[in-house]
């Protein structure tokens, strides 16, 4: 007799695709820690739920996309603020050097020299003379204050001038 072959409907197995997508999104989120892929994976859970309710495949995608966008626009900013709220307020890197005191190691002029900062680091330095000062150099042992950092050079102001301007 005749055999009747039944075509497999791939939409019957769409739930597996949703699970794989959710796992991939969670894995990417664990590597990025920006809450973007977390929101996409939660939205995909909505798509999986729509699949389990028997909705058409295109409607599942609409539910997942809509829920993901809604979460990205509402929940993600709140989570990012909460995550950064308890951040370390201490300055680091270049920001920590601005305003730091130091002592001249090798005569500092407008073109170069060396200073040892309060944190123990020795930096190449240039002298910045605020208000058109007359001193053209800072001699070894003189106190200075870091005004700014340009590349690997500290731009310093003689400490007595800093105190007079304050």
C-alpha atoms as a PDB file:
ATOM      1  CA  UNK A   1       0.000   0.000   0.000  1.00  0.00           C
ATOM      2  CA  UNK A   2       0.830   3.618  -0.076  1.00  0.00           C
ATOM      3  CA  UNK A   3       2.847   5.177   2.682  1.00  0.00           C
ATOM      4  CA  UNK A   4       1.789   8.612   3.742  1.00  0.00           C
ATOM      5  CA  UNK A   5       4.748  10.671   4.893  1.00  0.00           C
ATOM      6  CA  UNK A   6       4.120  13.473   7.297  1.00  0.00           C
ATOM      7  CA  UNK A   7       6.119  16.696   6.911  1.00  0.00           C
ATOM      8  CA  UNK A   8       7.765  17.792  10.120  1.00  0.00           C
ATOM      9  CA  UNK A   9       6.595  21.234  11.209  1.00  0.00           C
ATOM     10  CA  UNK A  10       9.726  23.019  12.443  1.00  0.00           C
ATOM     11  CA  UNK A  11       7.654  25.490  14.431  1.00  0.00           C
ATOM     12  CA  UNK A  12       6.918  22.610  16.807  1.00  0.00           C
ATOM     13  CA  UNK A  13      10.566  22.840  17.887  1.00  0.00           C
ATOM     14  CA  UNK A  14      10.806  26.614  18.066  1.00  0.00           C
ATOM     15  CA  UNK A  15      10.925  26.463  21.863  1.00  0.00           C
ATOM     16  CA  UNK A  16      14.396  24.873  21.585  1.00  0.00           C
ATOM     17  CA  UNK A  17      15.579  27.814  19.499  1.00  0.00           C
ATOM     18  CA  UNK A  18      14.219  30.218  22.143  1.00  0.00           C
ATOM     19  CA  UNK A  19      16.096  28.364  24.901  1.00  0.00           C
ATOM     20  CA  UNK A  20      19.353  28.389  22.939  1.00  0.00           C
ATOM     21  CA  UNK A  21      18.956  32.113  22.212  1.00  0.00           C
ATOM     22  CA  UNK A  22      18.296  32.833  25.898  1.00  0.00           C
ATOM     23  CA  UNK A  23      21.406  30.881  26.953  1.00  0.00           C
ATOM     24  CA  UNK A  24      23.582  32.641  24.373  1.00  0.00           C
ATOM     25  CA  UNK A  25      22.297  36.067  25.494  1.00  0.00           C
ATOM     26  CA  UNK A  26      22.958  35.253  29.163  1.00  0.00           C
ATOM     27  CA  UNK A  27      26.471  34.052  28.313  1.00  0.00           C
ATOM     28  CA  UNK A  28      27.230  37.279  26.440  1.00  0.00           C
ATOM     29  CA  UNK A  29      25.806  39.275  29.367  1.00  0.00           C
ATOM     30  CA  UNK A  30      28.129  37.517  31.791  1.00  0.00           C
ATOM     31  CA  UNK A  31      31.049  38.668  29.640  1.00  0.00           C
ATOM     32  CA  UNK A  32      29.890  42.265  29.111  1.00  0.00           C
ATOM     33  CA  UNK A  33      28.071  43.150  32.374  1.00  0.00           C
ATOM     34  CA  UNK A  34      26.121  46.042  30.829  1.00  0.00           C
ATOM     35  CA  UNK A  35      22.582  44.633  31.331  1.00  0.00           C
ATOM     36  CA  UNK A  36      21.813  44.859  27.590  1.00  0.00           C
ATOM     37  CA  UNK A  37      21.840  41.146  26.857  1.00  0.00           C
ATOM     38  CA  UNK A  38      20.121  40.452  30.168  1.00  0.00           C
ATOM     39  CA  UNK A  39      17.166  42.541  28.994  1.00  0.00           C
ATOM     40  CA  UNK A  40      17.226  40.754  25.614  1.00  0.00           C
ATOM     41  CA  UNK A  41      17.248  37.349  27.327  1.00  0.00           C
ATOM     42  CA  UNK A  42      14.301  38.336  29.545  1.00  0.00           C
ATOM     43  CA  UNK A  43      12.476  39.559  26.437  1.00  0.00           C
ATOM     44  CA  UNK A  44      13.240  36.208  24.818  1.00  0.00           C
ATOM     45  CA  UNK A  45      11.652  34.516  27.808  1.00  0.00           C
ATOM     46  CA  UNK A  46       8.511  36.400  26.785  1.00  0.00           C
ATOM     47  CA  UNK A  47       8.920  34.948  23.287  1.00  0.00           C
ATOM     48  CA  UNK A  48       9.277  31.472  24.801  1.00  0.00           C
ATOM     49  CA  UNK A  49       6.126  32.070  26.841  1.00  0.00           C
ATOM     50  CA  UNK A  50       4.295  33.136  23.685  1.00  0.00           C
ATOM     51  CA  UNK A  51       5.471  29.906  22.043  1.00  0.00           C
ATOM     52  CA  UNK A  52       4.166  27.832  24.917  1.00  0.00           C
ATOM     53  CA  UNK A  53       0.818  29.627  24.609  1.00  0.00           C
ATOM     54  CA  UNK A  54       0.689  28.526  20.982  1.00  0.00           C
ATOM     55  CA  UNK A  55       1.064  31.917  19.301  1.00  0.00           C
ATOM     56  CA  UNK A  56       2.388  32.139  15.735  1.00  0.00           C
ATOM     57  CA  UNK A  57       6.160  32.419  15.249  1.00  0.00           C
ATOM     58  CA  UNK A  58       5.998  36.021  14.035  1.00  0.00           C
ATOM     59  CA  UNK A  59       3.937  37.019  17.063  1.00  0.00           C
ATOM     60  CA  UNK A  60       6.509  35.362  19.332  1.00  0.00           C
ATOM     61  CA  UNK A  61       9.218  37.544  17.785  1.00  0.00           C
ATOM     62  CA  UNK A  62       7.067  40.662  18.217  1.00  0.00           C
ATOM     63  CA  UNK A  63       6.476  39.823  21.905  1.00  0.00           C
ATOM     64  CA  UNK A  64      10.200  39.164  22.495  1.00  0.00           C
ATOM     65  CA  UNK A  65      11.323  42.312  20.687  1.00  0.00           C
ATOM     66  CA  UNK A  66       8.710  44.515  22.344  1.00  0.00           C
ATOM     67  CA  UNK A  67       9.507  43.233  25.824  1.00  0.00           C
ATOM     68  CA  UNK A  68      13.261  43.590  25.224  1.00  0.00           C
ATOM     69  CA  UNK A  69      12.943  47.199  24.066  1.00  0.00           C
ATOM     70  CA  UNK A  70      10.639  48.030  26.980  1.00  0.00           C
ATOM     71  CA  UNK A  71      13.129  46.587  29.471  1.00  0.00           C
ATOM     72  CA  UNK A  72      16.094  48.288  27.797  1.00  0.00           C
ATOM     73  CA  UNK A  73      14.386  51.673  28.043  1.00  0.00           C
ATOM     74  CA  UNK A  74      12.953  51.338  31.559  1.00  0.00           C
ATOM     75  CA  UNK A  75      14.764  48.834  33.784  1.00  0.00           C
ATOM     76  CA  UNK A  76      18.332  48.963  32.389  1.00  0.00           C
ATOM     77  CA  UNK A  77      19.009  52.655  33.205  1.00  0.00           C
ATOM     78  CA  UNK A  78      17.778  52.105  36.769  1.00  0.00           C
ATOM     79  CA  UNK A  79      20.025  49.053  37.177  1.00  0.00           C
ATOM     80  CA  UNK A  80      23.068  50.892  35.785  1.00  0.00           C
ATOM     81  CA  UNK A  81      22.528  53.803  38.194  1.00  0.00           C
ATOM     82  CA  UNK A  82      22.131  51.410  41.129  1.00  0.00           C
ATOM     83  CA  UNK A  83      25.281  49.527  40.107  1.00  0.00           C
ATOM     84  CA  UNK A  84      27.392  52.689  39.875  1.00  0.00           C
ATOM     85  CA  UNK A  85      25.876  54.332  42.955  1.00  0.00           C
ATOM     86  CA  UNK A  86      28.242  52.589  45.370  1.00  0.00           C
ATOM     87  CA  UNK A  87      31.329  53.251  43.247  1.00  0.00           C
ATOM     88  CA  UNK A  88      34.628  54.245  44.768  1.00  0.00           C
ATOM     89  CA  UNK A  89      34.671  58.055  45.014  1.00  0.00           C
ATOM     90  CA  UNK A  90      38.473  58.135  45.268  1.00  0.00           C
ATOM     91  CA  UNK A  91      40.246  59.718  42.334  1.00  0.00           C
ATOM     92  CA  UNK A  92      42.621  57.507  40.391  1.00  0.00           C
ATOM     93  CA  UNK A  93      45.196  57.730  37.636  1.00  0.00           C
ATOM     94  CA  UNK A  94      45.776  61.249  36.280  1.00  0.00           C
ATOM     95  CA  UNK A  95      42.821  62.705  38.204  1.00  0.00           C
ATOM     96  CA  UNK A  96      44.544  61.800  41.479  1.00  0.00           C
ATOM     97  CA  UNK A  97      47.702  63.682  40.472  1.00  0.00           C
ATOM     98  CA  UNK A  98      46.017  67.052  39.862  1.00  0.00           C
ATOM     99  CA  UNK A  99      46.625  69.245  42.905  1.00  0.00           C
ATOM    100  CA  UNK A 100      49.204  66.866  44.387  1.00  0.00           C
ATOM    101  CA  UNK A 101      52.251  68.426  46.008  1.00  0.00           C
ATOM    102  CA  UNK A 102      55.826  67.520  45.242  1.00  0.00           C
ATOM    103  CA  UNK A 103      59.429  68.644  45.424  1.00  0.00           C
ATOM    104  CA  UNK A 104      61.765  69.610  42.604  1.00  0.00           C
ATOM    105  CA  UNK A 105      64.506  67.019  42.023  1.00  0.00           C
ATOM    106  CA  UNK A 106      66.171  68.628  39.020  1.00  0.00           C
ATOM    107  CA  UNK A 107      65.680  72.304  38.123  1.00  0.00           C
ATOM    108  CA  UNK A 108      62.272  72.770  36.486  1.00  0.00           C
ATOM    109  CA  UNK A 109      61.879  75.421  33.805  1.00  0.00           C
ATOM    110  CA  UNK A 110      59.238  76.174  31.193  1.00  0.00           C
ATOM    111  CA  UNK A 111      60.890  73.526  29.004  1.00  0.00           C
ATOM    112  CA  UNK A 112      61.651  70.672  31.417  1.00  0.00           C
ATOM    113  CA  UNK A 113      62.924  69.264  34.683  1.00  0.00           C
ATOM    114  CA  UNK A 114      62.111  66.552  37.267  1.00  0.00           C
ATOM    115  CA  UNK A 115      59.829  66.514  40.307  1.00  0.00           C
ATOM    116  CA  UNK A 116      59.127  63.881  42.943  1.00  0.00           C
ATOM    117  CA  UNK A 117      55.435  63.844  43.847  1.00  0.00           C
ATOM    118  CA  UNK A 118      53.923  63.123  47.264  1.00  0.00           C
ATOM    119  CA  UNK A 119      53.000  59.604  46.120  1.00  0.00           C
ATOM    120  CA  UNK A 120      56.703  58.811  45.563  1.00  0.00           C
ATOM    121  CA  UNK A 121      56.657  58.941  41.753  1.00  0.00           C
ATOM    122  CA  UNK A 122      59.240  60.945  39.848  1.00  0.00           C
ATOM    123  CA  UNK A 123      57.854  62.801  36.833  1.00  0.00           C
ATOM    124  CA  UNK A 124      59.285  64.927  34.097  1.00  0.00           C
ATOM    125  CA  UNK A 125      57.874  68.390  34.622  1.00  0.00           C
ATOM    126  CA  UNK A 126      57.457  71.815  33.083  1.00  0.00           C
ATOM    127  CA  UNK A 127      56.879  75.022  34.964  1.00  0.00           C
ATOM    128  CA  UNK A 128      53.674  76.974  34.519  1.00  0.00           C
ATOM    129  CA  UNK A 129      53.922  80.511  35.758  1.00  0.00           C
ATOM    130  CA  UNK A 130      50.447  81.755  36.606  1.00  0.00           C
ATOM    131  CA  UNK A 131      49.770  85.484  36.269  1.00  0.00           C
ATOM    132  CA  UNK A 132      52.943  86.097  34.259  1.00  0.00           C
ATOM    133  CA  UNK A 133      55.323  85.344  37.147  1.00  0.00           C
ATOM    134  CA  UNK A 134      58.922  86.456  36.964  1.00  0.00           C
ATOM    135  CA  UNK A 135      60.660  83.284  38.211  1.00  0.00           C
ATOM    136  CA  UNK A 136      61.910  81.321  35.232  1.00  0.00           C
ATOM    137  CA  UNK A 137      62.725  78.164  37.181  1.00  0.00           C
ATOM    138  CA  UNK A 138      62.088  76.158  40.323  1.00  0.00           C
ATOM    139  CA  UNK A 139      65.259  74.947  42.025  1.00  0.00           C
ATOM    140  CA  UNK A 140      65.856  71.501  43.651  1.00  0.00           C
ATOM    141  CA  UNK A 141      64.066  71.135  46.964  1.00  0.00           C
ATOM    142  CA  UNK A 142      61.392  73.747  46.199  1.00  0.00           C
ATOM    143  CA  UNK A 143      57.789  72.649  46.744  1.00  0.00           C
ATOM    144  CA  UNK A 144      55.506  72.533  43.696  1.00  0.00           C
ATOM    145  CA  UNK A 145      51.896  71.623  43.001  1.00  0.00           C
ATOM    146  CA  UNK A 146      50.697  69.702  39.944  1.00  0.00           C
ATOM    147  CA  UNK A 147      48.414  71.874  37.825  1.00  0.00           C
ATOM    148  CA  UNK A 148      47.768  69.412  35.002  1.00  0.00           C
ATOM    149  CA  UNK A 149      49.223  66.424  33.176  1.00  0.00           C
ATOM    150  CA  UNK A 150      50.162  66.583  29.493  1.00  0.00           C
ATOM    151  CA  UNK A 151      51.124  63.114  28.281  1.00  0.00           C
ATOM    152  CA  UNK A 152      53.897  61.972  30.598  1.00  0.00           C
ATOM    153  CA  UNK A 153      54.806  65.464  31.804  1.00  0.00           C
ATOM    154  CA  UNK A 154      53.489  67.126  34.941  1.00  0.00           C
ATOM    155  CA  UNK A 155      52.801  70.823  34.526  1.00  0.00           C
ATOM    156  CA  UNK A 156      53.655  72.306  37.938  1.00  0.00           C
ATOM    157  CA  UNK A 157      53.274  75.600  39.761  1.00  0.00           C
ATOM    158  CA  UNK A 158      55.639  76.693  42.532  1.00  0.00           C
ATOM    159  CA  UNK A 159      53.830  76.067  45.821  1.00  0.00           C
ATOM    160  CA  UNK A 160      54.258  79.577  47.220  1.00  0.00           C
ATOM    161  CA  UNK A 161      52.561  80.999  44.132  1.00  0.00           C
ATOM    162  CA  UNK A 162      49.684  78.518  44.559  1.00  0.00           C
ATOM    163  CA  UNK A 163      49.165  79.668  48.155  1.00  0.00           C
ATOM    164  CA  UNK A 164      49.270  83.353  47.172  1.00  0.00           C
ATOM    165  CA  UNK A 165      46.608  82.830  44.471  1.00  0.00           C
ATOM    166  CA  UNK A 166      44.275  80.998  46.848  1.00  0.00           C
END
